[in-house]
Amino acid sequence: EEYDYLPYFYSRSFDLSWQFYGDNVGETVLFGDNNPASPKPNFGTYWIKDGKVIGAFLEGGSPDENKAIAKVARVKPAVEDVNQLAKEGISFASKI
């Protein structure tokens, strides 16, 4: 039986917490509100390689949003338009 491994890293400090799944190589696509003055920042990054999302990072995500980015990193969906991906942000992950 093949072992199903998904790289996973996280950090929690004070009111900030982030989760990362997958690989951090390839083109990056930023999304969300990464303004340091925001009371509750919520932003992320997708990593695209060979036309597929292979990694996902999310700061300030809900439990459901964190599950969604984990699924994206595991499924590795194809992406045709990175600008559209940036606009969709976390909603892209929620549709997978």
C-alpha atoms as a PDB file:
ATOM      1  CA  GLU A   1       0.000   0.000   0.000  1.00  0.00           C
ATOM      2  CA  GLU A   2       1.306   3.432  -0.963  1.00  0.00           C
ATOM      3  CA  TYR A   3       1.836   5.935   1.846  1.00  0.00           C
ATOM      4  CA  ASP A   4      -0.181   9.133   1.358  1.00  0.00           C
ATOM      5  CA  TYR A   5       2.077  11.953   2.597  1.00  0.00           C
ATOM      6  CA  LEU A   6       1.179  15.644   2.446  1.00  0.00           C
ATOM      7  CA  PRO A   7       3.790  18.098   3.792  1.00  0.00           C
ATOM      8  CA  TYR A   8       2.237  20.256   6.522  1.00  0.00           C
ATOM      9  CA  PHE A   9       3.580  23.135   8.596  1.00  0.00           C
ATOM     10  CA  TYR A  10       1.829  25.530  10.949  1.00  0.00           C
ATOM     11  CA  SER A  11       2.405  28.252  13.520  1.00  0.00           C
ATOM     12  CA  ARG A  12       0.271  29.852  16.205  1.00  0.00           C
ATOM     13  CA  SER A  13       1.432  32.932  18.046  1.00  0.00           C
ATOM     14  CA  PHE A  14      -0.845  35.316  19.927  1.00  0.00           C
ATOM     15  CA  ASP A  15      -3.747  36.168  17.581  1.00  0.00           C
ATOM     16  CA  LEU A  16      -1.912  35.004  14.451  1.00  0.00           C
ATOM     17  CA  SER A  17      -1.949  31.521  13.007  1.00  0.00           C
ATOM     18  CA  TRP A  18      -1.050  30.071   9.645  1.00  0.00           C
ATOM     19  CA  GLN A  19      -1.081  26.698   7.932  1.00  0.00           C
ATOM     20  CA  PHE A  20       0.830  25.475   4.904  1.00  0.00           C
ATOM     21  CA  TYR A  21       0.249  22.304   2.882  1.00  0.00           C
ATOM     22  CA  GLY A  22       2.127  20.868  -0.082  1.00  0.00           C
ATOM     23  CA  ASP A  23       5.265  22.147  -1.790  1.00  0.00           C
ATOM     24  CA  ASN A  24       6.559  25.724  -2.011  1.00  0.00           C
ATOM     25  CA  VAL A  25       8.122  25.655  -5.469  1.00  0.00           C
ATOM     26  CA  GLY A  26       6.985  27.337  -8.666  1.00  0.00           C
ATOM     27  CA  GLU A  27       5.054  30.532  -9.327  1.00  0.00           C
ATOM     28  CA  THR A  28       3.325  32.208  -6.380  1.00  0.00           C
ATOM     29  CA  VAL A  29      -0.183  33.648  -6.465  1.00  0.00           C
ATOM     30  CA  LEU A  30      -1.061  35.921  -3.538  1.00  0.00           C
ATOM     31  CA  PHE A  31      -4.634  36.546  -2.383  1.00  0.00           C
ATOM     32  CA  GLY A  32      -6.580  38.174   0.428  1.00  0.00           C
ATOM     33  CA  ASP A  33      -5.935  41.015   2.872  1.00  0.00           C
ATOM     34  CA  ASN A  34      -2.273  41.108   3.866  1.00  0.00           C
ATOM     35  CA  ASN A  35      -2.365  44.671   5.223  1.00  0.00           C
ATOM     36  CA  PRO A  36      -0.308  44.648   8.464  1.00  0.00           C
ATOM     37  CA  ALA A  37      -2.711  47.215   9.963  1.00  0.00           C
ATOM     38  CA  SER A  38      -5.695  44.859   9.585  1.00  0.00           C
ATOM     39  CA  PRO A  39      -7.142  43.808  12.932  1.00  0.00           C
ATOM     40  CA  LYS A  40      -7.497  40.204  11.673  1.00  0.00           C
ATOM     41  CA  PRO A  41      -5.336  39.543   8.593  1.00  0.00           C
ATOM     42  CA  ASN A  42      -6.649  36.860   6.266  1.00  0.00           C
ATOM     43  CA  PHE A  43      -4.446  36.137   3.267  1.00  0.00           C
ATOM     44  CA  GLY A  44      -2.674  33.337   1.495  1.00  0.00           C
ATOM     45  CA  THR A  45      -0.556  32.083  -1.345  1.00  0.00           C
ATOM     46  CA  TYR A  46      -0.893  29.287  -3.858  1.00  0.00           C
ATOM     47  CA  TRP A  47       2.176  27.727  -5.484  1.00  0.00           C
ATOM     48  CA  ILE A  48       1.725  26.781  -9.144  1.00  0.00           C
ATOM     49  CA  LYS A  49       3.989  24.354 -10.996  1.00  0.00           C
ATOM     50  CA  ASP A  50       3.335  22.850 -14.424  1.00  0.00           C
ATOM     51  CA  GLY A  51      -0.138  24.420 -14.456  1.00  0.00           C
ATOM     52  CA  LYS A  52      -1.250  22.859 -11.160  1.00  0.00           C
ATOM     53  CA  VAL A  53      -1.600  24.134  -7.600  1.00  0.00           C
ATOM     54  CA  ILE A  54       0.960  22.148  -5.607  1.00  0.00           C
ATOM     55  CA  GLY A  55       1.055  24.146  -2.372  1.00  0.00           C
ATOM     56  CA  ALA A  56      -1.148  26.446  -0.319  1.00  0.00           C
ATOM     57  CA  PHE A  57      -0.556  28.798   2.619  1.00  0.00           C
ATOM     58  CA  LEU A  58      -3.253  30.553   4.636  1.00  0.00           C
ATOM     59  CA  GLU A  59      -2.957  33.092   7.458  1.00  0.00           C
ATOM     60  CA  GLY A  60      -5.994  33.656   9.652  1.00  0.00           C
ATOM     61  CA  GLY A  61      -8.144  30.932   8.111  1.00  0.00           C
ATOM     62  CA  SER A  62     -11.148  29.265   9.687  1.00  0.00           C
ATOM     63  CA  PRO A  63     -11.055  25.488  10.303  1.00  0.00           C
ATOM     64  CA  ASP A  64     -13.097  24.952   7.111  1.00  0.00           C
ATOM     65  CA  GLU A  65     -10.771  27.178   5.069  1.00  0.00           C
ATOM     66  CA  ASN A  66      -7.728  25.327   6.402  1.00  0.00           C
ATOM     67  CA  LYS A  67      -9.296  22.000   5.401  1.00  0.00           C
ATOM     68  CA  ALA A  68      -9.965  23.442   1.952  1.00  0.00           C
ATOM     69  CA  ILE A  69      -6.341  24.454   1.348  1.00  0.00           C
ATOM     70  CA  ALA A  70      -5.194  21.018   2.511  1.00  0.00           C
ATOM     71  CA  LYS A  71      -7.501  19.456  -0.063  1.00  0.00           C
ATOM     72  CA  VAL A  72      -6.161  21.747  -2.799  1.00  0.00           C
ATOM     73  CA  ALA A  73      -2.582  20.698  -2.026  1.00  0.00           C
ATOM     74  CA  ARG A  74      -3.573  17.031  -2.048  1.00  0.00           C
ATOM     75  CA  VAL A  75      -5.711  17.119  -5.233  1.00  0.00           C
ATOM     76  CA  LYS A  76      -3.381  19.493  -7.166  1.00  0.00           C
ATOM     77  CA  PRO A  77      -6.061  21.026  -9.410  1.00  0.00           C
ATOM     78  CA  ALA A  78      -5.160  22.555 -12.756  1.00  0.00           C
ATOM     79  CA  VAL A  79      -5.095  26.343 -13.093  1.00  0.00           C
ATOM     80  CA  GLU A  80      -5.454  28.111 -16.425  1.00  0.00           C
ATOM     81  CA  ASP A  81      -5.569  31.760 -15.307  1.00  0.00           C
ATOM     82  CA  VAL A  82      -3.455  32.831 -12.322  1.00  0.00           C
ATOM     83  CA  ASN A  83      -5.095  36.273 -12.286  1.00  0.00           C
ATOM     84  CA  GLN A  84      -8.487  34.632 -11.840  1.00  0.00           C
ATOM     85  CA  LEU A  85      -7.017  32.400  -9.135  1.00  0.00           C
ATOM     86  CA  ALA A  86      -5.785  35.501  -7.277  1.00  0.00           C
ATOM     87  CA  LYS A  87      -9.265  37.063  -7.519  1.00  0.00           C
ATOM     88  CA  GLU A  88     -10.991  33.904  -6.264  1.00  0.00           C
ATOM     89  CA  GLY A  89      -8.536  33.413  -3.406  1.00  0.00           C
ATOM     90  CA  ILE A  90      -9.828  31.082  -0.722  1.00  0.00           C
ATOM     91  CA  SER A  91     -13.118  30.556  -2.582  1.00  0.00           C
ATOM     92  CA  PHE A  92     -11.104  28.598  -5.193  1.00  0.00           C
ATOM     93  CA  ALA A  93     -10.079  26.126  -2.485  1.00  0.00           C
ATOM     94  CA  SER A  94     -13.623  25.916  -1.138  1.00  0.00           C
ATOM     95  CA  LYS A  95     -14.856  24.664  -4.539  1.00  0.00           C
ATOM     96  CA  ILE A  96     -12.428  21.721  -4.739  1.00  0.00           C
END
